[in-house]
Amino acid sequence: LMNASFMDFLLPTAMEIPPIETAHLETPSPLNPLGIKGAGEAGAIPVGPLFAQAIEDALPEFYLKITEIPLSPNRLFELLNK
């Protein structure tokens, strides 16, 4: 056992890492005529549910249970008046 714990484990520096050879493989999407794919959508997926949860938390006296998104102002008004 060289290191008793991760406290003793030293991360390698840039000088100690061997050169890395990279290769690119293009795979166009068959789902659209341009063959393009999304790159930043993954971070936007939880925004709708998080926004709904924030509204529920901000208005506890209304006992809201938001189960559908998108949540428009009209839909929120309907939920508040139930």
N, C-alpha and C. Protein backbone atom coordinates (compact mmCIF):
# COMPACT_ATOMS: atom_id res chain seq x y z
N LEU A 1 0.86 -1.18 0.00
CA LEU A 1 0.00 0.00 0.00
C LEU A 1 0.90 1.23 0.00
N MET A 2 0.82 2.00 -1.09
CA MET A 2 1.69 3.17 -1.20
C MET A 2 1.14 4.37 -0.44
N ASN A 3 -0.16 4.53 -0.46
CA ASN A 3 -0.80 5.65 0.25
C ASN A 3 -1.82 5.08 1.22
N ALA A 4 -1.76 5.52 2.43
CA ALA A 4 -2.70 5.02 3.44
C ALA A 4 -4.10 5.58 3.24
N SER A 5 -4.19 6.78 2.67
CA SER A 5 -5.50 7.40 2.45
C SER A 5 -5.40 8.37 1.28
N PHE A 6 -6.54 8.92 0.89
CA PHE A 6 -6.52 9.92 -0.17
C PHE A 6 -5.87 11.22 0.29
N MET A 7 -5.74 11.41 1.59
CA MET A 7 -5.05 12.60 2.10
C MET A 7 -3.58 12.58 1.68
N ASP A 8 -3.01 11.37 1.55
CA ASP A 8 -1.61 11.23 1.18
C ASP A 8 -1.42 11.10 -0.33
N PHE A 9 -2.50 10.98 -1.08
CA PHE A 9 -2.43 10.78 -2.52
C PHE A 9 -2.19 12.10 -3.22
N LEU A 10 -1.14 12.19 -3.99
CA LEU A 10 -0.83 13.41 -4.72
C LEU A 10 -1.33 13.30 -6.15
N LEU A 11 -2.06 14.30 -6.60
CA LEU A 11 -2.53 14.31 -7.98
C LEU A 11 -1.37 14.61 -8.91
N PRO A 12 -1.37 14.00 -10.08
CA PRO A 12 -0.28 14.27 -11.02
C PRO A 12 -0.37 15.70 -11.56
N THR A 13 0.76 16.27 -11.85
CA THR A 13 0.80 17.60 -12.45
C THR A 13 0.84 17.44 -13.97
N ALA A 14 0.78 18.55 -14.69
CA ALA A 14 0.83 18.52 -16.15
C ALA A 14 2.13 17.90 -16.65
N MET A 15 3.18 18.02 -15.89
CA MET A 15 4.48 17.46 -16.30
C MET A 15 4.52 15.94 -16.17
N GLU A 16 3.66 15.38 -15.35
CA GLU A 16 3.69 13.94 -15.10
C GLU A 16 2.67 13.15 -15.92
N ILE A 17 1.80 13.83 -16.64
CA ILE A 17 0.79 13.16 -17.46
C ILE A 17 1.35 12.97 -18.86
N PRO A 18 1.25 11.76 -19.40
CA PRO A 18 1.78 11.54 -20.75
C PRO A 18 0.95 12.28 -21.80
N PRO A 19 1.51 12.52 -22.97
CA PRO A 19 0.75 13.18 -24.03
C PRO A 19 -0.48 12.35 -24.41
N ILE A 20 -1.57 13.02 -24.70
CA ILE A 20 -2.81 12.34 -25.06
C ILE A 20 -3.10 12.62 -26.52
N GLU A 21 -3.33 11.57 -27.25
CA GLU A 21 -3.66 11.71 -28.67
C GLU A 21 -5.17 11.65 -28.82
N THR A 22 -5.74 12.63 -29.48
CA THR A 22 -7.20 12.67 -29.67
C THR A 22 -7.55 12.45 -31.13
N ALA A 23 -8.72 11.92 -31.34
CA ALA A 23 -9.24 11.72 -32.69
C ALA A 23 -10.69 12.15 -32.70
N HIS A 24 -11.13 12.68 -33.81
CA HIS A 24 -12.51 13.12 -33.95
C HIS A 24 -13.25 12.18 -34.89
N LEU A 25 -14.44 11.81 -34.48
CA LEU A 25 -15.29 10.97 -35.31
C LEU A 25 -16.60 11.71 -35.50
N GLU A 26 -16.88 12.14 -36.71
CA GLU A 26 -18.10 12.88 -36.98
C GLU A 26 -19.24 11.92 -37.26
N THR A 27 -20.33 12.09 -36.55
CA THR A 27 -21.54 11.30 -36.76
C THR A 27 -22.72 12.24 -36.86
N PRO A 28 -23.09 12.65 -38.06
CA PRO A 28 -24.21 13.57 -38.22
C PRO A 28 -25.52 12.94 -37.75
N SER A 29 -26.39 13.76 -37.23
CA SER A 29 -27.69 13.30 -36.78
C SER A 29 -28.58 12.97 -37.98
N PRO A 30 -29.24 11.83 -37.96
CA PRO A 30 -30.16 11.51 -39.06
C PRO A 30 -31.54 12.14 -38.86
N LEU A 31 -31.73 12.89 -37.78
CA LEU A 31 -33.04 13.41 -37.44
C LEU A 31 -33.37 14.75 -38.07
N ASN A 32 -32.40 15.39 -38.72
CA ASN A 32 -32.68 16.67 -39.37
C ASN A 32 -31.82 16.80 -40.61
N PRO A 33 -32.23 17.66 -41.55
CA PRO A 33 -31.52 17.76 -42.83
C PRO A 33 -30.08 18.27 -42.71
N LEU A 34 -29.78 19.06 -41.68
CA LEU A 34 -28.43 19.59 -41.54
C LEU A 34 -27.48 18.65 -40.80
N GLY A 35 -28.03 17.62 -40.15
CA GLY A 35 -27.20 16.68 -39.40
C GLY A 35 -26.66 17.23 -38.10
N ILE A 36 -27.24 18.34 -37.62
CA ILE A 36 -26.72 18.98 -36.41
C ILE A 36 -27.29 18.35 -35.15
N LYS A 37 -26.57 18.50 -34.06
CA LYS A 37 -26.98 18.00 -32.76
C LYS A 37 -26.89 19.12 -31.73
N GLY A 38 -27.71 19.03 -30.71
CA GLY A 38 -27.66 20.02 -29.63
C GLY A 38 -26.45 19.81 -28.75
N ALA A 39 -26.03 20.87 -28.09
CA ALA A 39 -24.87 20.76 -27.21
C ALA A 39 -25.14 21.27 -25.81
N GLY A 40 -26.06 22.21 -25.63
CA GLY A 40 -26.23 22.81 -24.32
C GLY A 40 -27.59 22.59 -23.70
N GLU A 41 -28.40 21.71 -24.27
CA GLU A 41 -29.75 21.54 -23.76
C GLU A 41 -29.81 20.80 -22.42
N ALA A 42 -28.83 20.01 -22.11
CA ALA A 42 -28.88 19.20 -20.88
C ALA A 42 -29.02 20.06 -19.63
N GLY A 43 -28.41 21.21 -19.62
CA GLY A 43 -28.51 22.09 -18.45
C GLY A 43 -29.85 22.78 -18.33
N ALA A 44 -30.63 22.79 -19.39
CA ALA A 44 -31.92 23.49 -19.37
C ALA A 44 -33.08 22.57 -19.00
N ILE A 45 -32.87 21.27 -18.98
CA ILE A 45 -33.96 20.33 -18.73
C ILE A 45 -34.60 20.52 -17.36
N PRO A 46 -33.85 20.68 -16.27
CA PRO A 46 -34.51 20.78 -14.96
C PRO A 46 -35.09 22.15 -14.64
N VAL A 47 -34.95 23.14 -15.52
CA VAL A 47 -35.38 24.50 -15.18
C VAL A 47 -36.88 24.59 -14.94
N GLY A 48 -37.69 23.99 -15.79
CA GLY A 48 -39.15 24.04 -15.63
C GLY A 48 -39.61 23.46 -14.30
N PRO A 49 -39.23 22.22 -13.98
CA PRO A 49 -39.63 21.67 -12.68
C PRO A 49 -39.09 22.46 -11.48
N LEU A 50 -37.88 23.00 -11.60
CA LEU A 50 -37.33 23.79 -10.49
C LEU A 50 -38.11 25.08 -10.29
N PHE A 51 -38.53 25.68 -11.39
CA PHE A 51 -39.34 26.89 -11.32
C PHE A 51 -40.69 26.59 -10.66
N ALA A 52 -41.32 25.47 -11.04
CA ALA A 52 -42.59 25.06 -10.44
C ALA A 52 -42.42 24.81 -8.94
N GLN A 53 -41.33 24.14 -8.56
CA GLN A 53 -41.06 23.87 -7.14
C GLN A 53 -40.87 25.17 -6.37
N ALA A 54 -40.19 26.12 -6.97
CA ALA A 54 -39.97 27.41 -6.31
C ALA A 54 -41.29 28.14 -6.08
N ILE A 55 -42.20 28.06 -7.04
CA ILE A 55 -43.51 28.69 -6.86
C ILE A 55 -44.27 28.00 -5.73
N GLU A 56 -44.25 26.67 -5.70
CA GLU A 56 -44.92 25.94 -4.61
C GLU A 56 -44.35 26.36 -3.26
N ASP A 57 -43.03 26.47 -3.17
CA ASP A 57 -42.38 26.84 -1.91
C ASP A 57 -42.66 28.29 -1.52
N ALA A 58 -42.81 29.16 -2.52
CA ALA A 58 -43.04 30.58 -2.24
C ALA A 58 -44.47 30.87 -1.80
N LEU A 59 -45.39 29.99 -2.14
CA LEU A 59 -46.81 30.21 -1.83
C LEU A 59 -47.39 29.04 -1.03
N PRO A 60 -46.84 28.74 0.15
CA PRO A 60 -47.31 27.56 0.89
C PRO A 60 -48.76 27.67 1.35
N GLU A 61 -49.26 28.88 1.53
CA GLU A 61 -50.64 29.04 2.01
C GLU A 61 -51.67 28.60 0.98
N PHE A 62 -51.27 28.44 -0.29
CA PHE A 62 -52.20 28.02 -1.33
C PHE A 62 -52.19 26.51 -1.55
N TYR A 63 -51.29 25.79 -0.91
CA TYR A 63 -51.18 24.33 -1.05
C TYR A 63 -51.15 23.92 -2.53
N LEU A 64 -50.34 24.59 -3.32
CA LEU A 64 -50.25 24.30 -4.74
C LEU A 64 -49.55 22.97 -4.98
N LYS A 65 -50.02 22.25 -5.97
CA LYS A 65 -49.35 21.04 -6.44
C LYS A 65 -49.27 21.18 -7.96
N ILE A 66 -48.16 21.72 -8.44
CA ILE A 66 -47.99 21.96 -9.87
C ILE A 66 -47.47 20.68 -10.51
N THR A 67 -48.27 20.14 -11.43
CA THR A 67 -47.91 18.87 -12.06
C THR A 67 -47.69 18.98 -13.56
N GLU A 68 -47.86 20.18 -14.11
CA GLU A 68 -47.68 20.36 -15.55
C GLU A 68 -46.84 21.61 -15.83
N ILE A 69 -45.98 21.49 -16.81
CA ILE A 69 -45.27 22.65 -17.32
C ILE A 69 -45.44 22.64 -18.83
N PRO A 70 -45.36 23.74 -19.53
CA PRO A 70 -44.97 25.06 -19.06
C PRO A 70 -46.06 25.69 -18.19
N LEU A 71 -45.63 26.55 -17.33
CA LEU A 71 -46.52 27.21 -16.38
C LEU A 71 -46.66 28.67 -16.77
N SER A 72 -47.73 28.98 -17.46
CA SER A 72 -47.97 30.36 -17.89
C SER A 72 -48.61 31.15 -16.76
N PRO A 73 -48.62 32.48 -16.85
CA PRO A 73 -49.31 33.28 -15.84
C PRO A 73 -50.79 32.92 -15.72
N ASN A 74 -51.44 32.64 -16.85
CA ASN A 74 -52.85 32.24 -16.81
C ASN A 74 -53.04 30.93 -16.06
N ARG A 75 -52.17 29.96 -16.31
CA ARG A 75 -52.26 28.66 -15.63
C ARG A 75 -52.02 28.84 -14.13
N LEU A 76 -51.07 29.65 -13.75
CA LEU A 76 -50.82 29.91 -12.34
C LEU A 76 -52.02 30.58 -11.70
N PHE A 77 -52.64 31.51 -12.39
CA PHE A 77 -53.84 32.19 -11.88
C PHE A 77 -54.96 31.17 -11.66
N GLU A 78 -55.12 30.23 -12.59
CA GLU A 78 -56.13 29.17 -12.43
C GLU A 78 -55.84 28.32 -11.20
N LEU A 79 -54.59 27.95 -11.01
CA LEU A 79 -54.22 27.12 -9.85
C LEU A 79 -54.46 27.86 -8.54
N LEU A 80 -54.19 29.14 -8.52
CA LEU A 80 -54.38 29.93 -7.30
C LEU A 80 -55.85 30.12 -6.95
N ASN A 81 -56.72 30.05 -7.93
CA ASN A 81 -58.15 30.28 -7.70
C ASN A 81 -58.95 29.00 -7.58
N LYS A 82 -58.31 27.86 -7.46
CA LYS A 82 -59.03 26.59 -7.27
C LYS A 82 -59.54 26.48 -5.86
